[in-house]
Amino acid sequence: MKVRDILKAKGGQCETIHPEATIKEAMDRIMEKKIGALPVMKDKNLVGIITERDIFRLIYKHREDLREIFDNKVADVMTTHLIIGVPDDDMEAVEALMTNNRFRHLPILDGKKLAGIVSIGDVVKMEAKNLKIENRYLQDYIVGKYPG
C-alpha cells in the first residue's frame, strides 16, 4: 500500500493556511473542518505546518491571558523543520517515520507541489481495512472456498 492510495481515498482535498494568518483563523479552520493540522503555504510552497499541539503549547505558554494568543501569526508558531512524504512511499515506512519521530501529520509533496496530508488516523484506518480483507481471504481459504 502506497501513500497515493490514501490520498486517493481521501479525495485529494487538503486545507491549508498562509503564514500571516492569525492563530484564531487557524483555530477556526481546524475546528470547522475537524482536522488536526494545516500545512502552511506561501506562494504555492510548503513553508511549515501548524498543528493542534502547536496551538496547545501556545495556549499553555500564555495561560495567564489567553487573549494574547489570538493575534499571533501562524508563522510565529508553526513547525518549519518538516519531515515530508512522497506519493510513492510505502505505508509501513510512513507509519515508522511518524512513530519514531513522534508526529501525527505528514505533508505529502509531489515534486514541489503539496499533494495532501496523511494523518496517523489515515494510516490506522488503511491498516484496519487491509486486515479485514486479509482476514476474509484467510477464512475463505480455511473453509475451502478456493479450488486446488
N, C-alpha and C. Protein backbone atom coordinates (compact mmCIF):
# COMPACT_ATOMS: atom_id res chain seq x y z
N MET A 1 0.85 -1.18 0.00
CA MET A 1 0.00 0.00 0.00
C MET A 1 0.90 1.24 0.00
N LYS A 2 0.53 2.20 -0.84
CA LYS A 2 1.30 3.43 -1.00
C LYS A 2 0.52 4.63 -0.47
N VAL A 3 1.26 5.70 -0.19
CA VAL A 3 0.66 6.96 0.27
C VAL A 3 -0.37 7.44 -0.74
N ARG A 4 -0.07 7.29 -2.02
CA ARG A 4 -1.01 7.75 -3.05
C ARG A 4 -2.39 7.09 -2.90
N ASP A 5 -2.43 5.84 -2.39
CA ASP A 5 -3.70 5.15 -2.18
C ASP A 5 -4.53 5.85 -1.10
N ILE A 6 -3.89 6.30 -0.06
CA ILE A 6 -4.60 7.03 1.00
C ILE A 6 -5.08 8.37 0.47
N LEU A 7 -4.21 9.08 -0.24
CA LEU A 7 -4.61 10.38 -0.79
C LEU A 7 -5.79 10.24 -1.73
N LYS A 8 -5.79 9.18 -2.53
CA LYS A 8 -6.90 8.94 -3.45
C LYS A 8 -8.19 8.67 -2.67
N ALA A 9 -8.09 7.86 -1.61
CA ALA A 9 -9.25 7.54 -0.78
C ALA A 9 -9.80 8.78 -0.08
N LYS A 10 -8.91 9.70 0.28
CA LYS A 10 -9.33 10.92 0.95
C LYS A 10 -9.93 11.95 -0.01
N GLY A 11 -9.72 11.76 -1.29
CA GLY A 11 -10.29 12.67 -2.27
C GLY A 11 -9.39 13.83 -2.65
N GLY A 12 -8.18 13.85 -2.16
CA GLY A 12 -7.22 14.86 -2.58
C GLY A 12 -7.42 16.25 -2.02
N GLN A 13 -8.42 16.43 -1.18
CA GLN A 13 -8.63 17.76 -0.61
C GLN A 13 -7.69 17.97 0.58
N CYS A 14 -7.14 19.17 0.66
CA CYS A 14 -6.23 19.48 1.75
C CYS A 14 -6.38 20.95 2.12
N GLU A 15 -6.84 21.18 3.32
CA GLU A 15 -6.94 22.55 3.82
C GLU A 15 -5.54 23.08 4.09
N THR A 16 -5.30 24.34 3.77
CA THR A 16 -4.03 24.99 4.05
C THR A 16 -4.27 26.35 4.67
N ILE A 17 -3.18 26.98 5.10
CA ILE A 17 -3.28 28.32 5.67
C ILE A 17 -2.02 29.09 5.33
N HIS A 18 -2.11 30.40 5.29
CA HIS A 18 -0.99 31.28 4.98
C HIS A 18 -0.24 31.62 6.28
N PRO A 19 1.07 31.81 6.23
CA PRO A 19 1.83 32.09 7.45
C PRO A 19 1.43 33.39 8.14
N GLU A 20 0.84 34.33 7.42
CA GLU A 20 0.43 35.59 8.03
C GLU A 20 -0.97 35.54 8.63
N ALA A 21 -1.65 34.43 8.48
CA ALA A 21 -2.97 34.26 9.11
C ALA A 21 -2.77 34.26 10.63
N THR A 22 -3.82 34.57 11.35
CA THR A 22 -3.73 34.59 12.81
C THR A 22 -3.99 33.19 13.38
N ILE A 23 -3.59 33.04 14.61
CA ILE A 23 -3.85 31.78 15.31
C ILE A 23 -5.36 31.55 15.41
N LYS A 24 -6.11 32.61 15.62
CA LYS A 24 -7.57 32.47 15.67
C LYS A 24 -8.10 31.90 14.37
N GLU A 25 -7.59 32.38 13.23
CA GLU A 25 -8.02 31.85 11.94
C GLU A 25 -7.65 30.37 11.81
N ALA A 26 -6.46 30.03 12.26
CA ALA A 26 -6.03 28.61 12.21
C ALA A 26 -6.93 27.76 13.10
N MET A 27 -7.20 28.24 14.31
CA MET A 27 -8.06 27.50 15.23
C MET A 27 -9.46 27.34 14.65
N ASP A 28 -9.99 28.40 14.07
CA ASP A 28 -11.32 28.34 13.46
C ASP A 28 -11.36 27.28 12.37
N ARG A 29 -10.35 27.27 11.51
CA ARG A 29 -10.34 26.31 10.40
C ARG A 29 -10.19 24.88 10.91
N ILE A 30 -9.31 24.68 11.88
CA ILE A 30 -9.11 23.34 12.45
C ILE A 30 -10.40 22.83 13.08
N MET A 31 -11.08 23.68 13.81
CA MET A 31 -12.33 23.26 14.46
C MET A 31 -13.44 23.05 13.44
N GLU A 32 -13.57 23.97 12.49
CA GLU A 32 -14.63 23.88 11.48
C GLU A 32 -14.49 22.64 10.62
N LYS A 33 -13.27 22.33 10.22
CA LYS A 33 -13.03 21.19 9.32
C LYS A 33 -12.78 19.88 10.07
N LYS A 34 -12.69 19.97 11.40
CA LYS A 34 -12.45 18.78 12.24
C LYS A 34 -11.18 18.05 11.81
N ILE A 35 -10.10 18.83 11.72
CA ILE A 35 -8.79 18.29 11.34
C ILE A 35 -7.78 18.62 12.43
N GLY A 36 -6.62 18.02 12.36
CA GLY A 36 -5.62 18.21 13.40
C GLY A 36 -4.43 19.05 13.00
N ALA A 37 -4.33 19.40 11.71
CA ALA A 37 -3.17 20.15 11.24
C ALA A 37 -3.48 20.88 9.95
N LEU A 38 -2.73 21.95 9.73
CA LEU A 38 -2.85 22.71 8.50
C LEU A 38 -1.47 22.92 7.90
N PRO A 39 -1.23 22.45 6.68
CA PRO A 39 0.01 22.82 6.01
C PRO A 39 0.01 24.34 5.80
N VAL A 40 1.16 24.96 5.98
CA VAL A 40 1.28 26.40 5.82
C VAL A 40 1.92 26.67 4.47
N MET A 41 1.19 27.40 3.62
CA MET A 41 1.62 27.63 2.25
C MET A 41 1.86 29.12 2.00
N LYS A 42 2.97 29.40 1.32
CA LYS A 42 3.27 30.77 0.90
C LYS A 42 3.75 30.70 -0.54
N ASP A 43 3.09 31.43 -1.43
CA ASP A 43 3.43 31.42 -2.85
C ASP A 43 3.47 30.00 -3.41
N LYS A 44 2.49 29.19 -3.06
CA LYS A 44 2.34 27.81 -3.52
C LYS A 44 3.44 26.87 -3.03
N ASN A 45 4.21 27.31 -2.04
CA ASN A 45 5.27 26.48 -1.47
C ASN A 45 4.93 26.14 -0.02
N LEU A 46 5.22 24.90 0.35
CA LEU A 46 5.03 24.46 1.73
C LEU A 46 6.15 25.05 2.57
N VAL A 47 5.78 25.86 3.57
CA VAL A 47 6.79 26.51 4.42
C VAL A 47 6.72 26.05 5.87
N GLY A 48 5.68 25.29 6.20
CA GLY A 48 5.55 24.81 7.57
C GLY A 48 4.26 24.05 7.75
N ILE A 49 4.00 23.73 9.02
CA ILE A 49 2.76 23.07 9.39
C ILE A 49 2.39 23.57 10.78
N ILE A 50 1.11 23.80 10.99
CA ILE A 50 0.63 24.17 12.32
C ILE A 50 -0.37 23.11 12.75
N THR A 51 -0.17 22.61 13.96
CA THR A 51 -0.99 21.51 14.46
C THR A 51 -1.71 21.93 15.73
N GLU A 52 -2.64 21.07 16.13
CA GLU A 52 -3.33 21.30 17.41
C GLU A 52 -2.31 21.40 18.54
N ARG A 53 -1.28 20.59 18.49
CA ARG A 53 -0.26 20.61 19.55
C ARG A 53 0.49 21.93 19.60
N ASP A 54 0.80 22.50 18.42
CA ASP A 54 1.46 23.80 18.37
C ASP A 54 0.60 24.85 19.06
N ILE A 55 -0.68 24.82 18.77
CA ILE A 55 -1.61 25.79 19.36
C ILE A 55 -1.76 25.53 20.86
N PHE A 56 -1.84 24.28 21.24
CA PHE A 56 -1.96 23.94 22.66
C PHE A 56 -0.75 24.45 23.44
N ARG A 57 0.45 24.29 22.87
CA ARG A 57 1.67 24.79 23.53
C ARG A 57 1.61 26.30 23.70
N LEU A 58 1.10 27.00 22.69
CA LEU A 58 0.96 28.45 22.77
C LEU A 58 -0.03 28.84 23.85
N ILE A 59 -1.14 28.12 23.93
CA ILE A 59 -2.14 28.38 24.97
C ILE A 59 -1.52 28.17 26.35
N TYR A 60 -0.76 27.10 26.49
CA TYR A 60 -0.12 26.83 27.79
C TYR A 60 0.85 27.96 28.15
N LYS A 61 1.62 28.42 27.17
CA LYS A 61 2.59 29.48 27.40
C LYS A 61 1.90 30.79 27.84
N HIS A 62 0.75 31.07 27.29
CA HIS A 62 0.02 32.31 27.58
C HIS A 62 -1.21 32.07 28.44
N ARG A 63 -1.15 31.06 29.29
CA ARG A 63 -2.34 30.66 30.06
C ARG A 63 -2.84 31.74 31.01
N GLU A 64 -2.00 32.70 31.36
CA GLU A 64 -2.44 33.77 32.26
C GLU A 64 -3.38 34.74 31.55
N ASP A 65 -3.19 34.92 30.24
CA ASP A 65 -4.05 35.80 29.47
C ASP A 65 -4.21 35.23 28.06
N LEU A 66 -5.22 34.39 27.91
CA LEU A 66 -5.42 33.69 26.64
C LEU A 66 -5.71 34.62 25.47
N ARG A 67 -6.17 35.83 25.77
CA ARG A 67 -6.47 36.76 24.67
C ARG A 67 -5.23 37.08 23.86
N GLU A 68 -4.06 36.94 24.46
CA GLU A 68 -2.81 37.25 23.76
C GLU A 68 -2.57 36.34 22.56
N ILE A 69 -3.08 35.14 22.61
CA ILE A 69 -2.72 34.18 21.56
C ILE A 69 -3.41 34.43 20.24
N PHE A 70 -4.60 34.97 20.24
CA PHE A 70 -5.40 35.03 19.03
C PHE A 70 -4.80 35.87 17.92
N ASP A 71 -4.05 36.90 18.26
CA ASP A 71 -3.49 37.78 17.24
C ASP A 71 -2.10 37.36 16.79
N ASN A 72 -1.50 36.35 17.43
CA ASN A 72 -0.22 35.83 16.96
C ASN A 72 -0.38 35.31 15.54
N LYS A 73 0.68 35.36 14.78
CA LYS A 73 0.67 34.85 13.42
C LYS A 73 1.02 33.37 13.39
N VAL A 74 0.46 32.67 12.45
CA VAL A 74 0.77 31.25 12.25
C VAL A 74 2.29 31.09 12.10
N ALA A 75 2.93 32.00 11.39
CA ALA A 75 4.38 31.92 11.16
C ALA A 75 5.18 31.89 12.46
N ASP A 76 4.63 32.47 13.52
CA ASP A 76 5.34 32.51 14.81
C ASP A 76 5.23 31.20 15.58
N VAL A 77 4.33 30.34 15.19
CA VAL A 77 4.03 29.13 15.95
C VAL A 77 4.30 27.86 15.15
N MET A 78 4.20 27.94 13.85
CA MET A 78 4.27 26.74 13.00
C MET A 78 5.61 26.02 13.13
N THR A 79 5.58 24.74 12.82
CA THR A 79 6.78 23.93 12.73
C THR A 79 7.36 24.14 11.34
N THR A 80 8.65 24.48 11.28
CA THR A 80 9.27 24.76 9.98
C THR A 80 10.26 23.68 9.56
N HIS A 81 10.75 22.91 10.49
CA HIS A 81 11.66 21.82 10.15
C HIS A 81 10.81 20.59 9.86
N LEU A 82 10.42 20.46 8.60
CA LEU A 82 9.44 19.46 8.22
C LEU A 82 10.06 18.16 7.76
N ILE A 83 9.38 17.11 8.11
CA ILE A 83 9.62 15.81 7.50
C ILE A 83 8.45 15.62 6.55
N ILE A 84 8.76 15.28 5.31
CA ILE A 84 7.70 15.14 4.31
C ILE A 84 7.72 13.74 3.73
N GLY A 85 6.61 13.38 3.12
CA GLY A 85 6.50 12.12 2.40
C GLY A 85 6.25 12.39 0.93
N VAL A 86 6.31 11.33 0.14
CA VAL A 86 6.01 11.42 -1.29
C VAL A 86 4.95 10.36 -1.62
N PRO A 87 4.21 10.54 -2.69
CA PRO A 87 3.13 9.60 -3.01
C PRO A 87 3.57 8.15 -3.15
N ASP A 88 4.80 7.89 -3.52
CA ASP A 88 5.26 6.51 -3.70
C ASP A 88 5.78 5.86 -2.43
N ASP A 89 5.75 6.56 -1.30
CA ASP A 89 6.18 5.96 -0.03
C ASP A 89 5.28 4.80 0.35
N ASP A 90 5.86 3.75 0.89
CA ASP A 90 5.09 2.63 1.43
C ASP A 90 4.48 3.04 2.76
N MET A 91 3.29 2.54 3.05
CA MET A 91 2.60 2.89 4.29
C MET A 91 3.38 2.43 5.51
N GLU A 92 4.06 1.30 5.44
CA GLU A 92 4.84 0.81 6.57
C GLU A 92 5.95 1.80 6.91
N ALA A 93 6.59 2.37 5.87
CA ALA A 93 7.66 3.35 6.09
C ALA A 93 7.09 4.63 6.70
N VAL A 94 5.94 5.05 6.23
CA VAL A 94 5.29 6.25 6.77
C VAL A 94 4.92 6.05 8.23
N GLU A 95 4.36 4.89 8.53
CA GLU A 95 3.99 4.61 9.92
C GLU A 95 5.22 4.63 10.82
N ALA A 96 6.30 4.01 10.38
CA ALA A 96 7.54 4.01 11.17
C ALA A 96 8.09 5.42 11.33
N LEU A 97 8.05 6.20 10.27
CA LEU A 97 8.53 7.58 10.31
C LEU A 97 7.75 8.40 11.33
N MET A 98 6.43 8.28 11.30
CA MET A 98 5.58 9.04 12.21
C MET A 98 5.77 8.57 13.65
N THR A 99 5.86 7.27 13.85
CA THR A 99 6.02 6.72 15.19
C THR A 99 7.37 7.09 15.78
N ASN A 100 8.43 6.89 15.00
CA ASN A 100 9.78 7.14 15.51
C ASN A 100 10.06 8.62 15.77
N ASN A 101 9.41 9.49 15.00
CA ASN A 101 9.63 10.93 15.17
C ASN A 101 8.54 11.62 15.97
N ARG A 102 7.56 10.84 16.42
CA ARG A 102 6.51 11.32 17.31
C ARG A 102 5.71 12.51 16.75
N PHE A 103 5.22 12.34 15.53
CA PHE A 103 4.29 13.33 14.99
C PHE A 103 3.13 12.60 14.34
N ARG A 104 2.03 13.34 14.15
CA ARG A 104 0.80 12.70 13.70
C ARG A 104 0.32 13.12 12.32
N HIS A 105 1.01 14.09 11.70
CA HIS A 105 0.58 14.59 10.40
C HIS A 105 1.78 14.73 9.48
N LEU A 106 1.69 14.12 8.31
CA LEU A 106 2.80 14.11 7.36
C LEU A 106 2.36 14.78 6.05
N PRO A 107 2.95 15.95 5.76
CA PRO A 107 2.67 16.57 4.45
C PRO A 107 3.27 15.70 3.34
N ILE A 108 2.55 15.59 2.24
CA ILE A 108 2.99 14.80 1.10
C ILE A 108 3.24 15.75 -0.08
N LEU A 109 4.46 15.71 -0.59
CA LEU A 109 4.81 16.55 -1.73
C LEU A 109 5.01 15.67 -2.96
N ASP A 110 4.45 16.14 -4.05
CA ASP A 110 4.66 15.50 -5.36
C ASP A 110 5.49 16.51 -6.15
N GLY A 111 6.80 16.30 -6.17
CA GLY A 111 7.71 17.33 -6.68
C GLY A 111 7.74 18.44 -5.65
N LYS A 112 7.39 19.65 -6.06
CA LYS A 112 7.32 20.77 -5.11
C LYS A 112 5.88 21.10 -4.74
N LYS A 113 4.92 20.35 -5.32
CA LYS A 113 3.50 20.63 -5.11
C LYS A 113 2.97 19.81 -3.93
N LEU A 114 2.19 20.46 -3.08
CA LEU A 114 1.54 19.77 -1.98
C LEU A 114 0.46 18.85 -2.53
N ALA A 115 0.64 17.54 -2.31
CA ALA A 115 -0.33 16.56 -2.81
C ALA A 115 -1.39 16.26 -1.78
N GLY A 116 -1.11 16.54 -0.51
CA GLY A 116 -2.06 16.27 0.56
C GLY A 116 -1.35 16.10 1.87
N ILE A 117 -2.06 15.59 2.83
CA ILE A 117 -1.51 15.34 4.15
C ILE A 117 -2.06 14.00 4.64
N VAL A 118 -1.22 13.22 5.28
CA VAL A 118 -1.61 11.93 5.81
C VAL A 118 -1.49 11.99 7.32
N SER A 119 -2.54 11.58 8.01
CA SER A 119 -2.51 11.55 9.47
C SER A 119 -2.30 10.12 9.95
N ILE A 120 -1.92 9.99 11.18
CA ILE A 120 -1.76 8.66 11.76
C ILE A 120 -3.11 7.93 11.75
N GLY A 121 -4.19 8.68 11.88
CA GLY A 121 -5.52 8.08 11.78
C GLY A 121 -5.77 7.48 10.41
N ASP A 122 -5.30 8.16 9.35
CA ASP A 122 -5.43 7.62 8.00
C ASP A 122 -4.68 6.30 7.88
N VAL A 123 -3.48 6.26 8.46
CA VAL A 123 -2.65 5.05 8.41
C VAL A 123 -3.35 3.90 9.12
N VAL A 124 -3.87 4.17 10.31
CA VAL A 124 -4.55 3.13 11.09
C VAL A 124 -5.79 2.64 10.36
N LYS A 125 -6.56 3.55 9.79
CA LYS A 125 -7.78 3.16 9.08
C LYS A 125 -7.44 2.28 7.88
N MET A 126 -6.39 2.63 7.13
CA MET A 126 -6.00 1.83 5.98
C MET A 126 -5.50 0.46 6.41
N GLU A 127 -4.75 0.40 7.52
CA GLU A 127 -4.29 -0.90 8.03
C GLU A 127 -5.47 -1.78 8.45
N ALA A 128 -6.45 -1.18 9.11
CA ALA A 128 -7.62 -1.95 9.54
C ALA A 128 -8.36 -2.51 8.32
N LYS A 129 -8.50 -1.71 7.29
CA LYS A 129 -9.17 -2.17 6.07
C LYS A 129 -8.40 -3.34 5.45
N ASN A 130 -7.08 -3.21 5.39
CA ASN A 130 -6.26 -4.29 4.82
C ASN A 130 -6.35 -5.56 5.65
N LEU A 131 -6.41 -5.43 6.96
CA LEU A 131 -6.53 -6.60 7.82
C LEU A 131 -7.87 -7.30 7.62
N LYS A 132 -8.94 -6.54 7.44
CA LYS A 132 -10.25 -7.13 7.18
C LYS A 132 -10.23 -7.94 5.88
N ILE A 133 -9.61 -7.37 4.86
CA ILE A 133 -9.53 -8.08 3.58
C ILE A 133 -8.70 -9.35 3.73
N GLU A 134 -7.55 -9.23 4.36
CA GLU A 134 -6.69 -10.40 4.57
C GLU A 134 -7.41 -11.47 5.38
N ASN A 135 -8.11 -11.05 6.42
CA ASN A 135 -8.86 -11.98 7.27
C ASN A 135 -9.92 -12.73 6.45
N ARG A 136 -10.61 -12.02 5.59
CA ARG A 136 -11.63 -12.66 4.76
C ARG A 136 -11.02 -13.72 3.86
N TYR A 137 -9.92 -13.38 3.21
CA TYR A 137 -9.27 -14.36 2.32
C TYR A 137 -8.76 -15.57 3.10
N LEU A 138 -8.23 -15.36 4.27
CA LEU A 138 -7.76 -16.49 5.09
C LEU A 138 -8.92 -17.38 5.51
N GLN A 139 -10.05 -16.76 5.91
CA GLN A 139 -11.22 -17.55 6.28
C GLN A 139 -11.73 -18.35 5.09
N ASP A 140 -11.78 -17.71 3.92
CA ASP A 140 -12.21 -18.41 2.72
C ASP A 140 -11.29 -19.58 2.42
N TYR A 141 -10.01 -19.39 2.60
CA TYR A 141 -9.04 -20.44 2.34
C TYR A 141 -9.24 -21.61 3.30
N ILE A 142 -9.44 -21.28 4.58
CA ILE A 142 -9.59 -22.32 5.61
C ILE A 142 -10.84 -23.17 5.36
N VAL A 143 -11.93 -22.56 4.93
CA VAL A 143 -13.15 -23.33 4.70
C VAL A 143 -13.21 -23.96 3.31
N GLY A 144 -12.14 -23.78 2.54
CA GLY A 144 -12.04 -24.46 1.26
C GLY A 144 -12.76 -23.82 0.10
N LYS A 145 -12.93 -22.52 0.10
CA LYS A 145 -13.61 -21.85 -0.99
C LYS A 145 -12.73 -21.73 -2.26
N TYR A 146 -11.45 -22.00 -2.11
CA TYR A 146 -10.56 -21.91 -3.26
C TYR A 146 -10.32 -23.28 -3.84
N PRO A 147 -10.36 -23.39 -5.17
CA PRO A 147 -10.11 -24.71 -5.80
C PRO A 147 -8.63 -25.09 -5.65
N GLY A 148 -8.39 -26.31 -5.60
CA GLY A 148 -6.99 -26.71 -5.59
C GLY A 148 -6.74 -27.83 -4.74
